[in-house]
PDB file of N, CA and C in Angstrom:
ATOM      1  N   UNK A   1     180.564 343.013  62.659  1.00  0.00           N
ATOM      2  CA  UNK A   1     179.165 343.388  63.276  1.00  0.00           C
ATOM      3  C   UNK A   1     178.319 341.884  63.780  1.00  0.00           C
ATOM      4  N   UNK A   2     178.912 340.539  63.219  1.00  0.00           N
ATOM      5  CA  UNK A   2     178.609 339.615  63.416  1.00  0.00           C
ATOM      6  C   UNK A   2     179.030 339.343  64.766  1.00  0.00           C
ATOM      7  N   UNK A   3     178.900 338.475  65.539  1.00  0.00           N
ATOM      8  CA  UNK A   3     178.685 337.643  67.056  1.00  0.00           C
ATOM      9  C   UNK A   3     178.356 336.035  67.073  1.00  0.00           C
ATOM     10  N   UNK A   4     178.926 335.954  68.121  1.00  0.00           N
ATOM     11  CA  UNK A   4     178.649 334.323  68.537  1.00  0.00           C
ATOM     12  C   UNK A   4     178.438 334.498  68.916  1.00  0.00           C
ATOM     13  N   UNK A   5     177.139 333.009  69.424  1.00  0.00           N
ATOM     14  CA  UNK A   5     176.092 333.278  70.491  1.00  0.00           C
ATOM     15  C   UNK A   5     175.901 331.721  71.099  1.00  0.00           C
ATOM     16  N   UNK A   6     175.589 331.329  71.816  1.00  0.00           N
ATOM     17  CA  UNK A   6     175.651 330.049  72.848  1.00  0.00           C
ATOM     18  C   UNK A   6     174.246 330.191  72.792  1.00  0.00           C
ATOM     19  N   UNK A   7     173.350 329.483  72.168  1.00  0.00           N
ATOM     20  CA  UNK A   7     171.595 328.539  72.444  1.00  0.00           C
ATOM     21  C   UNK A   7     171.623 327.513  73.654  1.00  0.00           C
ATOM     22  N   UNK A   8     170.891 327.690  74.338  1.00  0.00           N
ATOM     23  CA  UNK A   8     170.614 326.793  75.620  1.00  0.00           C
ATOM     24  C   UNK A   8     169.074 325.848  74.872  1.00  0.00           C
ATOM     25  N   UNK A   9     168.806 325.385  75.496  1.00  0.00           N
ATOM     26  CA  UNK A   9     167.640 325.151  75.548  1.00  0.00           C
ATOM     27  C   UNK A   9     166.564 325.088  76.563  1.00  0.00           C
ATOM     28  N   UNK A  10     165.381 325.063  76.853  1.00  0.00           N
ATOM     29  CA  UNK A  10     164.957 325.593  77.165  1.00  0.00           C
ATOM     30  C   UNK A  10     164.403 324.900  78.389  1.00  0.00           C
ATOM     31  N   UNK A  11     164.114 324.159  77.847  1.00  0.00           N
ATOM     32  CA  UNK A  11     163.736 322.639  79.159  1.00  0.00           C
ATOM     33  C   UNK A  11     164.205 322.130  79.752  1.00  0.00           C
ATOM     34  N   UNK A  12     165.585 321.639  79.710  1.00  0.00           N
ATOM     35  CA  UNK A  12     166.529 320.920  80.193  1.00  0.00           C
ATOM     36  C   UNK A  12     168.007 321.671  80.361  1.00  0.00           C
ATOM     37  N   UNK A  13     167.830 323.632  79.850  1.00  0.00           N
ATOM     38  CA  UNK A  13     169.267 323.888  80.303  1.00  0.00           C
ATOM     39  C   UNK A  13     170.489 323.538  79.902  1.00  0.00           C
ATOM     40  N   UNK A  14     170.540 322.981  78.947  1.00  0.00           N
ATOM     41  CA  UNK A  14     171.084 322.491  78.208  1.00  0.00           C
ATOM     42  C   UNK A  14     172.571 323.578  77.136  1.00  0.00           C
ATOM     43  N   UNK A  15     173.331 323.049  77.052  1.00  0.00           N
ATOM     44  CA  UNK A  15     174.059 323.905  75.759  1.00  0.00           C
ATOM     45  C   UNK A  15     173.909 323.962  75.134  1.00  0.00           C
ATOM     46  N   UNK A  16     173.178 323.322  73.683  1.00  0.00           N
ATOM     47  CA  UNK A  16     173.605 322.550  72.084  1.00  0.00           C
ATOM     48  C   UNK A  16     174.482 323.160  71.434  1.00  0.00           C
ATOM     49  N   UNK A  17     173.705 324.791  71.455  1.00  0.00           N
ATOM     50  CA  UNK A  17     174.749 324.964  69.611  1.00  0.00           C
ATOM     51  C   UNK A  17     174.692 326.300  69.613  1.00  0.00           C
ATOM     52  N   UNK A  18     175.677 326.111  68.754  1.00  0.00           N
ATOM     53  CA  UNK A  18     176.712 327.589  68.202  1.00  0.00           C
ATOM     54  C   UNK A  18     175.844 328.397  67.418  1.00  0.00           C
ATOM     55  N   UNK A  19     176.128 329.889  67.542  1.00  0.00           N
ATOM     56  CA  UNK A  19     175.379 330.577  65.777  1.00  0.00           C
ATOM     57  C   UNK A  19     175.599 331.893  65.894  1.00  0.00           C
ATOM     58  N   UNK A  20     175.980 333.142  65.385  1.00  0.00           N
ATOM     59  CA  UNK A  20     176.046 334.138  65.232  1.00  0.00           C
ATOM     60  C   UNK A  20     175.017 334.730  64.672  1.00  0.00           C
ATOM     61  N   UNK A  21     174.566 335.578  65.515  1.00  0.00           N
ATOM     62  CA  UNK A  21     174.036 336.715  64.404  1.00  0.00           C
ATOM     63  C   UNK A  21     174.898 338.136  64.752  1.00  0.00           C
ATOM     64  N   UNK A  22     173.838 338.791  63.894  1.00  0.00           N
ATOM     65  CA  UNK A  22     174.042 340.089  63.365  1.00  0.00           C
ATOM     66  C   UNK A  22     173.249 341.458  64.735  1.00  0.00           C
ATOM     67  N   UNK A  23     174.119 342.112  65.910  1.00  0.00           N
ATOM     68  CA  UNK A  23     173.585 342.386  66.630  1.00  0.00           C
ATOM     69  C   UNK A  23     173.083 343.974  65.850  1.00  0.00           C
ATOM     70  N   UNK A  24     173.465 344.092  64.729  1.00  0.00           N
ATOM     71  CA  UNK A  24     172.679 345.428  63.835  1.00  0.00           C
ATOM     72  C   UNK A  24     171.251 345.065  63.294  1.00  0.00           C
ATOM     73  N   UNK A  25     171.053 343.941  63.648  1.00  0.00           N
ATOM     74  CA  UNK A  25     169.509 343.774  63.035  1.00  0.00           C
ATOM     75  C   UNK A  25     168.470 343.278  64.093  1.00  0.00           C
ATOM     76  N   UNK A  26     169.340 341.872  64.693  1.00  0.00           N
ATOM     77  CA  UNK A  26     168.938 341.766  66.429  1.00  0.00           C
ATOM     78  C   UNK A  26     169.509 341.948  67.238  1.00  0.00           C
ATOM     79  N   UNK A  27     168.535 343.314  67.764  1.00  0.00           N
ATOM     80  CA  UNK A  27     169.799 343.558  69.243  1.00  0.00           C
ATOM     81  C   UNK A  27     168.633 342.425  70.828  1.00  0.00           C
ATOM     82  N   UNK A  28     167.565 342.281  70.742  1.00  0.00           N
ATOM     83  CA  UNK A  28     167.311 341.168  71.746  1.00  0.00           C
ATOM     84  C   UNK A  28     167.535 340.122  71.888  1.00  0.00           C
ATOM     85  N   UNK A  29     167.654 339.495  72.279  1.00  0.00           N
ATOM     86  CA  UNK A  29     167.806 337.792  71.889  1.00  0.00           C
ATOM     87  C   UNK A  29     167.238 336.735  71.521  1.00  0.00           C
ATOM     88  N   UNK A  30     168.181 336.375  70.455  1.00  0.00           N
ATOM     89  CA  UNK A  30     167.237 335.397  70.080  1.00  0.00           C
ATOM     90  C   UNK A  30     166.910 333.855  70.661  1.00  0.00           C
ATOM     91  N   UNK A  31     165.391 333.254  69.800  1.00  0.00           N
ATOM     92  CA  UNK A  31     164.493 331.864  69.836  1.00  0.00           C
ATOM     93  C   UNK A  31     165.028 331.639  68.721  1.00  0.00           C
ATOM     94  N   UNK A  32     165.362 329.920  68.383  1.00  0.00           N
ATOM     95  CA  UNK A  32     165.455 329.144  67.770  1.00  0.00           C
ATOM     96  C   UNK A  32     164.495 327.941  67.887  1.00  0.00           C
ATOM     97  N   UNK A  33     163.929 327.421  67.422  1.00  0.00           N
ATOM     98  CA  UNK A  33     163.886 326.196  67.628  1.00  0.00           C
ATOM     99  C   UNK A  33     164.442 325.268  66.847  1.00  0.00           C
ATOM    100  N   UNK A  34     164.598 324.355  67.800  1.00  0.00           N
ATOM    101  CA  UNK A  34     166.143 323.253  67.589  1.00  0.00           C
ATOM    102  C   UNK A  34     166.452 321.407  68.134  1.00  0.00           C
ATOM    103  N   UNK A  35     166.775 320.755  67.246  1.00  0.00           N
ATOM    104  CA  UNK A  35     166.616 319.800  68.281  1.00  0.00           C
ATOM    105  C   UNK A  35     167.930 319.282  68.667  1.00  0.00           C
ATOM    106  N   UNK A  36     166.611 318.518  70.342  1.00  0.00           N
ATOM    107  CA  UNK A  36     167.861 318.630  71.643  1.00  0.00           C
ATOM    108  C   UNK A  36     168.060 317.831  71.578  1.00  0.00           C
ATOM    109  N   UNK A  37     169.286 316.779  71.472  1.00  0.00           N
ATOM    110  CA  UNK A  37     169.534 315.539  71.884  1.00  0.00           C
ATOM    111  C   UNK A  37     169.586 314.748  73.110  1.00  0.00           C
ATOM    112  N   UNK A  38     169.539 315.999  74.096  1.00  0.00           N
ATOM    113  CA  UNK A  38     169.414 315.135  75.873  1.00  0.00           C
ATOM    114  C   UNK A  38     168.140 315.083  76.304  1.00  0.00           C
ATOM    115  N   UNK A  39     167.061 315.510  75.420  1.00  0.00           N
ATOM    116  CA  UNK A  39     165.425 315.795  75.084  1.00  0.00           C
ATOM    117  C   UNK A  39     165.017 314.795  74.341  1.00  0.00           C
ATOM    118  N   UNK A  40     165.431 314.601  73.630  1.00  0.00           N
ATOM    119  CA  UNK A  40     164.951 314.019  72.243  1.00  0.00           C
ATOM    120  C   UNK A  40     163.579 314.489  71.625  1.00  0.00           C
ATOM    121  N   UNK A  41     163.797 316.144  71.691  1.00  0.00           N
ATOM    122  CA  UNK A  41     162.523 316.587  70.531  1.00  0.00           C
ATOM    123  C   UNK A  41     163.344 317.062  70.250  1.00  0.00           C
ATOM    124  N   UNK A  42     162.115 318.765  69.642  1.00  0.00           N
ATOM    125  CA  UNK A  42     162.830 319.448  68.722  1.00  0.00           C
ATOM    126  C   UNK A  42     162.434 320.342  70.474  1.00  0.00           C
ATOM    127  N   UNK A  43     162.790 321.509  70.703  1.00  0.00           N
ATOM    128  CA  UNK A  43     162.186 322.811  71.876  1.00  0.00           C
ATOM    129  C   UNK A  43     163.607 323.909  71.421  1.00  0.00           C
ATOM    130  N   UNK A  44     162.122 324.592  72.216  1.00  0.00           N
ATOM    131  CA  UNK A  44     162.836 326.836  71.902  1.00  0.00           C
ATOM    132  C   UNK A  44     164.126 326.609  72.751  1.00  0.00           C
ATOM    133  N   UNK A  45     165.021 326.945  71.668  1.00  0.00           N
ATOM    134  CA  UNK A  45     166.259 327.188  72.200  1.00  0.00           C
ATOM    135  C   UNK A  45     166.700 328.680  72.312  1.00  0.00           C
ATOM    136  N   UNK A  46     166.982 329.500  73.572  1.00  0.00           N
ATOM    137  CA  UNK A  46     166.747 330.727  73.972  1.00  0.00           C
ATOM    138  C   UNK A  46     168.854 331.128  73.515  1.00  0.00           C
ATOM    139  N   UNK A  47     168.912 332.113  73.178  1.00  0.00           N
ATOM    140  CA  UNK A  47     170.112 332.959  73.482  1.00  0.00           C
ATOM    141  C   UNK A  47     171.341 332.582  75.259  1.00  0.00           C
ATOM    142  N   UNK A  48     172.165 332.822  75.447  1.00  0.00           N
ATOM    143  CA  UNK A  48     172.263 332.932  76.469  1.00  0.00           C
ATOM    144  C   UNK A  48     173.805 333.512  75.975  1.00  0.00           C
ATOM    145  N   UNK A  49     173.638 333.785  77.068  1.00  0.00           N
ATOM    146  CA  UNK A  49     175.180 334.301  77.671  1.00  0.00           C
ATOM    147  C   UNK A  49     176.493 334.092  77.157  1.00  0.00           C
TER     148      UNK A  49
END
């Protein structure tokens, strides 16, 4: 049931992280606050396709 997803920075649109999520528990797209090495700050990263 776990699916691999890619997280992209909302500021610079770079795809920085990969993670997995449980589709049964989290059906909507996830948002996490992570460090972006391109922006050099902590920004919100959203799930992409």
